[in-house]
Amino acid sequence: MDQLLVTLSKWLCDRCHRLRLYTFVAGGLYLIAMTLMVVKISLTPVRFNFAFCDGKSYYLYIASAVVDGDLDFSNQMRQHWDDPLNPQDLEKELEIKTPRGYVWNKYPIGLSLTLLPSFLTAHGLSWVLYRFSGNLYLAPDGYSLLYQMFNVAMVLALAWGTMALLDWLMARYLRLDGLAITVAILAVWLGSNYTYYCIRYLLMVHVASTFWVTATIALVMAAARAVKDQCLSPWHLPLLTFTFSMAVVCRPTNLFILPFFIYLVVVLLQHGMPKSLLPWLPLIFLGLAPLFLQLAVWHRMYGSWIVFSYTDEPFFWTHPALLQTLFSLRKGVFLWSPLLGLGTAGAMWAVIRGGEVWSKPLLTSYLLSFLLLWYVNSAWWNWWFGWSFGNRAFLEALGLFVIGSAFVVQRGIQSSVHWRQVLLIIILACVVCNWLLMVAYDLKLVPR
């Protein structure tokens, strides 16, 4: 056992080896996702289409804007929102109009913006291939086969990017062991509700949203380090504002990472940087382009620059369901995905026990951000977030769960053989239970 750990640790000390392993996992999840979709269309009267549930609304912006050049979603909805079991639901949704006569869409544009590279690639190829073949499976309609394949690949590439960034954060700012980093990433990636959104609901926003949140956090930490080392480059803050804007237009609740920005502002003030940033303001302003585009879409559709599109879906700020969101059988975060509870406890333990000063800002900011997200999610009327596998509204805090798990794993590696075996059994049991629960959920053996 000890010799195996030594061999693994040496191999995983090389970050390139870890990244190759993450690539293999992402590729495996891609094959699983495609296989499950093929099985689904063979057993049910649905099309090969990953844009379903909330994902179909997130996806409307890019499908309509690129294919039709407008924001009139009605034709996409009639052609591609086929639900043989509930055809009346579509007509009800088509009847709900914005003040300017467009079909109401309460979801923001972040996912559509994120998919722009893969969608445009698929659109170009589909247009060429359909022109020569006339095959309907290759129609340039935004929903045919190539769009599905390229967009799913894009989302899993973002999942890979999320893990690569978390790997970098843990290695650079927390100096965790390569083995601990790898085990924590693979355990949470394959043993939590994040797994489900990597193989089933890929065109819902959460995997893409988690990437932009993680990228923003990584850039905040890198910017703070650059300020301390007096080597902040002109592109750094504009890139930071861009990733943050993308995170917000994916899910407005991604403002929960505000504590990281407070930390960055404190570092900037400590080093007298604010005045020296003035020449860079135009570039920083340019990074806000996704936010401005969201405002423009709202104005076009609703006639107002700022819109709260979730009408009749209130927040109860004075009566948040704090305990239920974490421990309820109704999608409680830690009950449906125990590894996330282990990771949260590990992060809290790492902060409480102290350690080097440079290790605290990342963990402390993550914990404060989690508390903010916990409160906001718990205050919403639909705190269990509907038909979701686990409480999907916490997926954007994935970094906290992974980093905390890495601390637990590293502590286990340094312990006796007995405790290492216990930890391994716990992790494997959580992963296996997660997959069994996913199967039971899809087969409707557990309440949704």
Protein backbone atom coordinates (compact mmCIF):
# COMPACT_ATOMS: atom_id res chain seq x y z
CA MET A 1 0.00 0.00 0.00
CA ASP A 2 2.74 2.47 1.01
CA GLN A 3 4.82 1.62 -2.06
CA LEU A 4 1.78 2.15 -4.31
CA LEU A 5 1.15 5.55 -2.73
CA VAL A 6 4.77 6.55 -3.27
CA THR A 7 4.64 5.49 -6.93
CA LEU A 8 1.34 7.32 -7.52
CA SER A 9 2.58 10.43 -5.75
CA LYS A 10 5.71 10.56 -7.92
CA TRP A 11 3.70 10.10 -11.13
CA LEU A 12 1.09 12.67 -10.13
CA CYS A 13 3.67 15.25 -9.11
CA ASP A 14 3.84 16.06 -12.81
CA ARG A 15 0.88 18.31 -13.57
CA CYS A 16 0.90 17.18 -17.21
CA HIS A 17 0.08 13.65 -16.05
CA ARG A 18 -2.84 14.95 -14.02
CA LEU A 19 -4.19 16.97 -16.93
CA ARG A 20 -4.02 13.93 -19.21
CA LEU A 21 -6.00 11.99 -16.62
CA TYR A 22 -8.66 14.71 -16.54
CA THR A 23 -8.80 14.59 -20.33
CA PHE A 24 -9.43 10.86 -20.19
CA VAL A 25 -12.26 11.39 -17.67
CA ALA A 26 -13.87 14.14 -19.77
CA GLY A 27 -13.67 11.90 -22.85
CA GLY A 28 -15.25 9.03 -20.94
CA LEU A 29 -18.10 11.26 -19.76
CA TYR A 30 -18.65 12.40 -23.35
CA LEU A 31 -19.07 8.80 -24.49
CA ILE A 32 -21.40 8.06 -21.57
CA ALA A 33 -23.52 11.14 -22.33
CA MET A 34 -23.86 10.20 -26.00
CA THR A 35 -24.64 6.58 -25.17
CA LEU A 36 -27.34 7.55 -22.68
CA MET A 37 -28.94 9.86 -25.22
CA VAL A 38 -29.00 7.08 -27.84
CA VAL A 39 -30.62 4.76 -25.29
CA LYS A 40 -33.15 7.45 -24.40
CA ILE A 41 -34.28 8.08 -27.98
CA SER A 42 -34.56 4.35 -28.59
CA LEU A 43 -36.86 3.89 -25.60
CA THR A 44 -38.92 7.11 -25.71
CA PRO A 45 -40.52 9.21 -28.48
CA VAL A 46 -38.00 12.08 -28.25
CA ARG A 47 -35.30 13.45 -30.54
CA PHE A 48 -31.54 13.40 -30.16
CA ASN A 49 -31.48 16.70 -28.28
CA PHE A 50 -29.61 17.71 -25.12
CA ALA A 51 -31.51 21.02 -24.92
CA PHE A 52 -34.34 19.96 -22.63
CA CYS A 53 -35.83 21.07 -19.30
CA ASP A 54 -34.40 24.49 -18.39
CA GLY A 55 -31.63 23.96 -20.93
CA LYS A 56 -34.01 24.40 -23.85
CA SER A 57 -34.74 27.98 -22.75
CA TYR A 58 -31.08 28.85 -22.15
CA TYR A 59 -30.33 27.53 -25.63
CA LEU A 60 -33.01 29.54 -27.44
CA TYR A 61 -30.94 32.72 -27.69
CA ILE A 62 -28.13 31.28 -29.78
CA ALA A 63 -30.41 29.03 -31.85
CA SER A 64 -32.65 31.93 -32.82
CA ALA A 65 -30.02 34.68 -33.13
CA VAL A 66 -27.60 32.70 -35.31
CA VAL A 67 -30.04 30.68 -37.44
CA ASP A 68 -32.80 33.29 -37.86
CA GLY A 69 -31.03 36.51 -36.96
CA ASP A 70 -33.72 37.51 -34.46
CA LEU A 71 -35.02 36.93 -30.94
CA ASP A 72 -38.35 35.47 -31.99
CA PHE A 73 -38.23 32.06 -30.32
CA SER A 74 -41.65 30.82 -31.43
CA ASN A 75 -40.49 28.85 -34.47
CA GLN A 76 -37.67 27.12 -32.53
CA MET A 77 -40.13 26.22 -29.80
CA ARG A 78 -42.69 24.78 -32.22
CA GLN A 79 -40.12 22.79 -34.17
CA HIS A 80 -37.82 21.52 -31.41
CA TRP A 81 -39.71 21.59 -28.12
CA ASP A 82 -41.51 18.36 -28.87
CA ASP A 83 -43.11 16.80 -25.81
CA PRO A 84 -45.58 14.10 -26.97
CA LEU A 85 -46.84 13.63 -23.44
CA ASN A 86 -47.69 17.30 -22.74
CA PRO A 87 -48.27 19.19 -26.01
CA GLN A 88 -50.53 21.67 -24.22
CA ASP A 89 -47.60 23.00 -22.16
CA LEU A 90 -45.94 24.43 -25.28
CA GLU A 91 -49.01 26.43 -26.23
CA LYS A 92 -49.19 27.89 -22.73
CA GLU A 93 -45.55 29.03 -22.94
CA LEU A 94 -46.06 30.55 -26.39
CA GLU A 95 -48.92 32.65 -25.05
CA ILE A 96 -46.76 34.41 -22.43
CA LYS A 97 -45.39 37.53 -24.11
CA THR A 98 -43.02 40.34 -23.13
CA PRO A 99 -44.22 43.97 -23.32
CA ARG A 100 -42.71 44.12 -26.82
CA GLY A 101 -44.46 40.98 -28.06
CA TYR A 102 -41.63 38.44 -27.79
CA VAL A 103 -42.03 35.03 -26.18
CA TRP A 104 -41.10 35.40 -22.51
CA ASN A 105 -37.75 33.85 -21.55
CA LYS A 106 -36.77 34.31 -17.93
CA TYR A 107 -33.31 32.81 -18.37
CA PRO A 108 -30.18 34.90 -19.12
CA ILE A 109 -27.90 34.61 -22.16
CA GLY A 110 -24.76 33.19 -20.53
CA LEU A 111 -25.00 29.63 -21.80
CA SER A 112 -25.68 30.78 -25.36
CA LEU A 113 -22.66 33.11 -25.27
CA THR A 114 -20.52 30.31 -23.88
CA LEU A 115 -21.55 27.93 -26.66
CA LEU A 116 -20.84 30.46 -29.42
CA PRO A 117 -17.55 28.83 -30.63
CA SER A 118 -18.95 25.29 -30.80
CA PHE A 119 -22.31 26.42 -32.21
CA LEU A 120 -20.76 28.48 -35.01
CA THR A 121 -18.42 25.62 -35.92
CA ALA A 122 -21.32 23.16 -36.06
CA HIS A 123 -23.45 25.68 -37.96
CA GLY A 124 -20.82 26.15 -40.67
CA LEU A 125 -20.22 22.43 -41.08
CA SER A 126 -23.94 21.65 -41.08
CA TRP A 127 -24.62 24.30 -43.71
CA VAL A 128 -21.95 22.84 -46.04
CA LEU A 129 -22.79 19.17 -45.46
CA TYR A 130 -26.55 19.69 -45.72
CA ARG A 131 -26.12 21.56 -48.99
CA PHE A 132 -24.34 18.58 -50.53
CA SER A 133 -26.24 15.72 -48.86
CA GLY A 134 -29.73 17.04 -48.09
CA ASN A 135 -29.74 14.83 -44.98
CA LEU A 136 -32.11 16.18 -42.33
CA TYR A 137 -29.78 14.96 -39.58
CA LEU A 138 -27.34 17.61 -40.84
CA ALA A 139 -29.83 20.47 -41.29
CA PRO A 140 -28.40 23.88 -40.25
CA ASP A 141 -31.29 24.51 -37.85
CA GLY A 142 -29.36 24.81 -34.58
CA TYR A 143 -30.56 21.45 -33.23
CA SER A 144 -29.37 18.72 -35.59
CA LEU A 145 -26.68 16.15 -34.91
CA LEU A 146 -23.51 18.22 -35.31
CA TYR A 147 -24.81 20.94 -33.00
CA GLN A 148 -25.48 18.37 -30.31
CA MET A 149 -22.08 16.71 -30.67
CA PHE A 150 -20.08 19.95 -30.75
CA ASN A 151 -21.99 21.66 -27.95
CA VAL A 152 -21.71 18.67 -25.62
CA ALA A 153 -17.99 18.51 -26.38
CA MET A 154 -17.73 22.22 -25.55
CA VAL A 155 -19.46 21.80 -22.20
CA LEU A 156 -17.24 18.89 -21.20
CA ALA A 157 -14.19 20.87 -22.31
CA LEU A 158 -15.34 23.52 -19.83
CA ALA A 159 -15.67 20.82 -17.15
CA TRP A 160 -12.09 19.81 -17.93
CA GLY A 161 -11.07 23.49 -17.72
CA THR A 162 -12.74 23.80 -14.32
CA MET A 163 -10.76 20.86 -12.97
CA ALA A 164 -7.53 22.12 -14.53
CA LEU A 165 -8.02 25.52 -12.88
CA LEU A 166 -8.81 23.96 -9.50
CA ASP A 167 -5.70 21.78 -9.88
CA TRP A 168 -3.65 24.93 -10.54
CA LEU A 169 -5.16 26.79 -7.58
CA MET A 170 -4.47 23.94 -5.16
CA ALA A 171 -0.93 23.36 -6.40
CA ARG A 172 0.08 27.02 -6.58
CA TYR A 173 -1.73 28.65 -3.67
CA LEU A 174 -2.24 25.77 -1.25
CA ARG A 175 0.75 23.59 -2.20
CA LEU A 176 -1.20 20.40 -1.83
CA ASP A 177 0.23 17.06 -2.88
CA GLY A 178 -0.44 15.92 -6.46
CA LEU A 179 -2.06 12.69 -5.26
CA ALA A 180 -4.42 14.55 -2.90
CA ILE A 181 -5.34 16.98 -5.66
CA THR A 182 -6.09 14.20 -8.13
CA VAL A 183 -8.13 12.06 -5.74
CA ALA A 184 -10.20 15.06 -4.61
CA ILE A 185 -10.93 16.22 -8.16
CA LEU A 186 -11.87 12.77 -9.43
CA ALA A 187 -13.94 11.99 -6.33
CA VAL A 188 -16.07 15.14 -6.57
CA TRP A 189 -16.22 15.06 -10.38
CA LEU A 190 -17.47 11.46 -10.39
CA GLY A 191 -19.11 11.19 -6.98
CA SER A 192 -21.42 14.18 -6.63
CA ASN A 193 -24.42 15.69 -8.39
CA TYR A 194 -21.94 17.53 -10.64
CA THR A 195 -21.50 14.17 -12.40
CA TYR A 196 -25.16 14.14 -13.39
CA TYR A 197 -24.89 17.49 -15.14
CA CYS A 198 -21.83 16.26 -17.03
CA ILE A 199 -23.70 13.34 -18.61
CA ARG A 200 -27.41 14.18 -18.64
CA TYR A 201 -28.21 17.89 -18.41
CA LEU A 202 -25.22 19.28 -20.25
CA LEU A 203 -27.09 22.15 -21.90
CA MET A 204 -28.40 23.40 -18.61
CA VAL A 205 -26.20 26.23 -17.48
CA HIS A 206 -24.47 24.78 -14.42
CA VAL A 207 -21.32 23.17 -15.86
CA ALA A 208 -20.60 26.25 -17.97
CA SER A 209 -21.45 28.56 -15.07
CA THR A 210 -19.11 26.67 -12.73
CA PHE A 211 -16.28 27.14 -15.22
CA TRP A 212 -16.73 30.93 -15.39
CA VAL A 213 -16.93 31.19 -11.59
CA THR A 214 -13.77 29.11 -11.18
CA ALA A 215 -11.95 31.07 -13.89
CA THR A 216 -12.88 34.33 -12.15
CA ILE A 217 -11.59 33.07 -8.81
CA ALA A 218 -8.35 31.88 -10.41
CA LEU A 219 -7.84 35.29 -12.01
CA VAL A 220 -8.56 37.09 -8.74
CA MET A 221 -5.92 35.03 -6.97
CA ALA A 222 -3.43 35.49 -9.81
CA ALA A 223 -4.09 39.25 -9.88
CA ALA A 224 -3.58 39.54 -6.14
CA ARG A 225 -0.29 37.67 -6.41
CA ALA A 226 0.79 39.83 -9.37
CA VAL A 227 0.02 43.00 -7.40
CA LYS A 228 2.10 41.77 -4.48
CA ASP A 229 4.96 40.93 -6.85
CA GLN A 230 4.49 44.24 -8.73
CA CYS A 231 4.03 42.49 -12.07
CA LEU A 232 0.34 43.06 -12.87
CA SER A 233 -0.09 43.06 -16.65
CA PRO A 234 -2.58 45.27 -18.60
CA TRP A 235 -4.61 42.27 -19.80
CA HIS A 236 -5.17 40.79 -16.36
CA LEU A 237 -8.04 42.91 -15.04
CA PRO A 238 -9.92 43.11 -18.40
CA LEU A 239 -9.84 39.32 -18.58
CA LEU A 240 -11.07 39.18 -15.00
CA THR A 241 -14.01 41.49 -15.72
CA PHE A 242 -14.85 39.38 -18.79
CA THR A 243 -14.95 36.06 -16.91
CA PHE A 244 -16.93 37.67 -14.10
CA SER A 245 -19.41 39.14 -16.58
CA MET A 246 -19.82 35.72 -18.18
CA ALA A 247 -20.43 34.18 -14.76
CA VAL A 248 -23.13 36.74 -13.96
CA VAL A 249 -24.95 36.40 -17.30
CA CYS A 250 -24.94 32.63 -16.77
CA ARG A 251 -26.52 32.92 -13.32
CA PRO A 252 -26.98 36.26 -11.53
CA THR A 253 -26.50 34.48 -8.19
CA ASN A 254 -22.85 34.09 -9.15
CA LEU A 255 -22.42 37.45 -7.47
CA PHE A 256 -21.85 35.21 -4.45
CA ILE A 257 -18.10 35.34 -5.20
CA LEU A 258 -18.04 38.97 -4.02
CA PRO A 259 -15.71 38.11 -1.08
CA PHE A 260 -12.94 37.33 -3.58
CA PHE A 261 -13.25 40.81 -5.07
CA ILE A 262 -13.18 42.34 -1.59
CA TYR A 263 -9.91 40.50 -1.02
CA LEU A 264 -8.51 41.81 -4.31
CA VAL A 265 -9.55 45.40 -3.52
CA VAL A 266 -7.83 45.15 -0.13
CA VAL A 267 -4.63 43.95 -1.81
CA LEU A 268 -4.83 46.77 -4.37
CA LEU A 269 -5.29 49.36 -1.63
CA GLN A 270 -2.46 47.94 0.43
CA HIS A 271 -0.09 48.34 -2.52
CA GLY A 272 -1.35 51.73 -3.68
CA MET A 273 -2.54 50.44 -7.04
CA PRO A 274 -5.95 52.10 -7.68
CA LYS A 275 -4.52 55.29 -9.24
CA SER A 276 -2.16 53.34 -11.49
CA LEU A 277 -5.14 51.41 -12.88
CA LEU A 278 -6.76 54.52 -14.38
CA PRO A 279 -5.10 54.12 -17.84
CA TRP A 280 -6.47 50.57 -18.00
CA LEU A 281 -10.11 51.53 -17.34
CA PRO A 282 -11.15 51.42 -21.03
CA LEU A 283 -9.87 47.83 -21.29
CA ILE A 284 -11.50 46.88 -17.99
CA PHE A 285 -14.73 48.45 -19.23
CA LEU A 286 -14.45 46.43 -22.45
CA GLY A 287 -14.38 43.23 -20.41
CA LEU A 288 -17.95 43.98 -19.31
CA ALA A 289 -19.23 43.34 -22.85
CA PRO A 290 -21.29 40.24 -21.88
CA LEU A 291 -23.18 42.30 -19.30
CA PHE A 292 -23.88 45.06 -21.80
CA LEU A 293 -25.11 42.47 -24.30
CA GLN A 294 -27.48 41.06 -21.68
CA LEU A 295 -28.85 44.56 -21.05
CA ALA A 296 -29.32 45.06 -24.79
CA VAL A 297 -31.24 41.78 -25.11
CA TRP A 298 -33.48 42.73 -22.20
CA HIS A 299 -34.13 46.14 -23.70
CA ARG A 300 -34.95 44.61 -27.07
CA MET A 301 -37.34 42.04 -25.63
CA TYR A 302 -38.86 43.83 -22.63
CA GLY A 303 -38.33 47.53 -23.33
CA SER A 304 -36.28 47.96 -20.16
CA TRP A 305 -32.52 47.80 -19.54
CA ILE A 306 -32.89 46.02 -16.20
CA VAL A 307 -35.42 43.20 -15.88
CA PHE A 308 -36.35 40.78 -13.10
CA SER A 309 -37.67 38.10 -15.39
CA TYR A 310 -38.52 35.60 -12.62
CA THR A 311 -41.95 37.07 -12.00
CA ASP A 312 -44.00 35.56 -9.17
CA GLU A 313 -40.92 33.69 -7.85
CA PRO A 314 -40.05 35.58 -4.67
CA PHE A 315 -37.22 35.44 -2.14
CA PHE A 316 -38.08 35.16 1.55
CA TRP A 317 -35.03 36.93 2.95
CA THR A 318 -36.19 36.77 6.58
CA HIS A 319 -37.20 33.09 6.47
CA PRO A 320 -34.46 31.18 4.59
CA ALA A 321 -34.68 27.39 4.61
CA LEU A 322 -31.06 27.09 5.78
CA LEU A 323 -31.12 23.60 7.25
CA GLN A 324 -33.40 22.15 4.60
CA THR A 325 -31.11 23.14 1.72
CA LEU A 326 -28.26 21.21 3.31
CA PHE A 327 -29.86 18.23 5.05
CA SER A 328 -33.40 17.74 3.75
CA LEU A 329 -34.31 14.59 1.84
CA ARG A 330 -35.78 17.06 -0.63
CA LYS A 331 -32.49 17.72 -2.49
CA GLY A 332 -30.42 18.50 0.59
CA VAL A 333 -26.88 19.22 -0.65
CA PHE A 334 -25.04 17.05 1.85
CA LEU A 335 -27.56 14.21 1.91
CA TRP A 336 -27.72 13.77 -1.87
CA SER A 337 -23.95 14.23 -2.29
CA PRO A 338 -22.12 13.37 0.96
CA LEU A 339 -18.74 14.13 -0.62
CA LEU A 340 -19.73 17.80 -0.78
CA GLY A 341 -20.31 17.75 2.97
CA LEU A 342 -16.91 16.12 3.46
CA GLY A 343 -15.30 18.82 1.32
CA THR A 344 -17.01 21.66 3.20
CA ALA A 345 -15.93 20.21 6.54
CA GLY A 346 -12.38 19.79 5.21
CA ALA A 347 -12.23 23.44 4.11
CA MET A 348 -13.51 24.65 7.48
CA TRP A 349 -11.01 22.47 9.29
CA ALA A 350 -8.14 23.78 7.13
CA VAL A 351 -9.03 27.40 7.94
CA ILE A 352 -9.63 26.83 11.64
CA ARG A 353 -6.41 24.90 12.21
CA GLY A 354 -4.38 27.84 10.85
CA GLY A 355 -1.28 27.36 8.75
CA GLU A 356 0.72 29.61 6.49
CA VAL A 357 -0.70 33.07 5.89
CA TRP A 358 -0.64 32.66 2.09
CA SER A 359 -3.01 29.70 2.31
CA LYS A 360 -5.83 31.59 4.05
CA PRO A 361 -7.25 34.07 1.49
CA LEU A 362 -8.37 31.42 -1.01
CA LEU A 363 -10.03 29.21 1.60
CA THR A 364 -11.51 32.04 3.63
CA SER A 365 -12.96 33.74 0.55
CA TYR A 366 -14.42 30.43 -0.63
CA LEU A 367 -16.07 29.79 2.73
CA LEU A 368 -17.51 33.32 2.92
CA SER A 369 -18.78 32.97 -0.65
CA PHE A 370 -20.38 29.63 0.20
CA LEU A 371 -22.17 31.19 3.17
CA LEU A 372 -23.52 33.94 0.92
CA LEU A 373 -24.67 31.44 -1.71
CA TRP A 374 -26.21 29.25 0.97
CA TYR A 375 -28.28 32.15 2.27
CA VAL A 376 -29.46 33.30 -1.18
CA ASN A 377 -30.40 29.78 -2.31
CA SER A 378 -32.17 29.08 0.98
CA ALA A 379 -34.17 32.32 0.75
CA TRP A 380 -35.67 31.49 -2.65
CA TRP A 381 -39.17 30.04 -2.58
CA ASN A 382 -38.04 27.00 -4.59
CA TRP A 383 -35.00 26.23 -2.42
CA TRP A 384 -34.94 22.59 -3.60
CA PHE A 385 -34.71 23.82 -7.23
CA GLY A 386 -37.40 21.73 -8.79
CA TRP A 387 -36.69 18.66 -10.85
CA SER A 388 -32.96 18.56 -10.23
CA PHE A 389 -30.58 15.83 -9.18
CA GLY A 390 -29.43 17.08 -5.82
CA ASN A 391 -29.40 20.81 -5.18
CA ARG A 392 -27.88 22.05 -8.44
CA ALA A 393 -27.80 25.66 -7.24
CA PHE A 394 -24.65 24.89 -5.22
CA LEU A 395 -22.61 23.51 -8.11
CA GLU A 396 -20.94 26.87 -8.73
CA ALA A 397 -19.26 26.46 -5.32
CA LEU A 398 -17.61 23.27 -6.59
CA GLY A 399 -14.14 24.65 -5.92
CA LEU A 400 -14.77 24.75 -2.17
CA PHE A 401 -15.88 21.12 -2.15
CA VAL A 402 -12.86 19.98 -4.19
CA ILE A 403 -10.31 21.96 -2.19
CA GLY A 404 -11.77 20.85 1.14
CA SER A 405 -11.75 17.24 -0.06
CA ALA A 406 -8.10 17.59 -1.05
CA PHE A 407 -7.20 18.66 2.48
CA VAL A 408 -9.05 15.64 3.87
CA VAL A 409 -7.29 13.30 1.41
CA GLN A 410 -3.88 14.77 2.17
CA ARG A 411 -4.49 14.35 5.87
CA GLY A 412 -5.55 10.75 5.22
CA ILE A 413 -2.39 10.05 3.19
CA GLN A 414 -0.28 11.25 6.11
CA SER A 415 -2.20 9.06 8.58
CA SER A 416 -1.87 5.37 9.39
CA VAL A 417 -2.65 2.58 6.93
CA HIS A 418 -5.90 1.90 8.78
CA TRP A 419 -7.21 5.46 8.36
CA ARG A 420 -6.10 5.55 4.72
CA GLN A 421 -8.15 2.42 4.08
CA VAL A 422 -11.17 3.87 5.89
CA LEU A 423 -10.94 7.08 3.83
CA LEU A 424 -10.61 5.13 0.58
CA ILE A 425 -13.69 3.03 1.44
CA ILE A 426 -15.70 6.17 2.29
CA ILE A 427 -14.78 7.87 -1.00
CA LEU A 428 -15.47 4.79 -3.11
CA ALA A 429 -18.78 4.21 -1.32
CA CYS A 430 -19.83 7.81 -2.01
CA VAL A 431 -18.93 7.49 -5.70
CA VAL A 432 -20.79 4.18 -6.09
CA CYS A 433 -23.83 5.49 -4.20
CA ASN A 434 -23.88 8.58 -6.41
CA TRP A 435 -24.03 6.47 -9.59
CA LEU A 436 -26.69 4.18 -8.13
CA LEU A 437 -28.74 7.21 -7.09
CA MET A 438 -28.40 8.71 -10.58
CA VAL A 439 -29.74 5.49 -12.11
CA ALA A 440 -32.60 5.36 -9.59
CA TYR A 441 -33.40 9.02 -10.27
CA ASP A 442 -33.54 8.55 -14.04
CA LEU A 443 -35.69 5.44 -13.63
CA LYS A 444 -38.00 7.46 -11.33
CA LEU A 445 -37.41 5.07 -8.43
CA VAL A 446 -36.85 8.07 -6.12
CA PRO A 447 -39.11 11.14 -5.84
CA ARG A 448 -38.13 14.07 -8.05
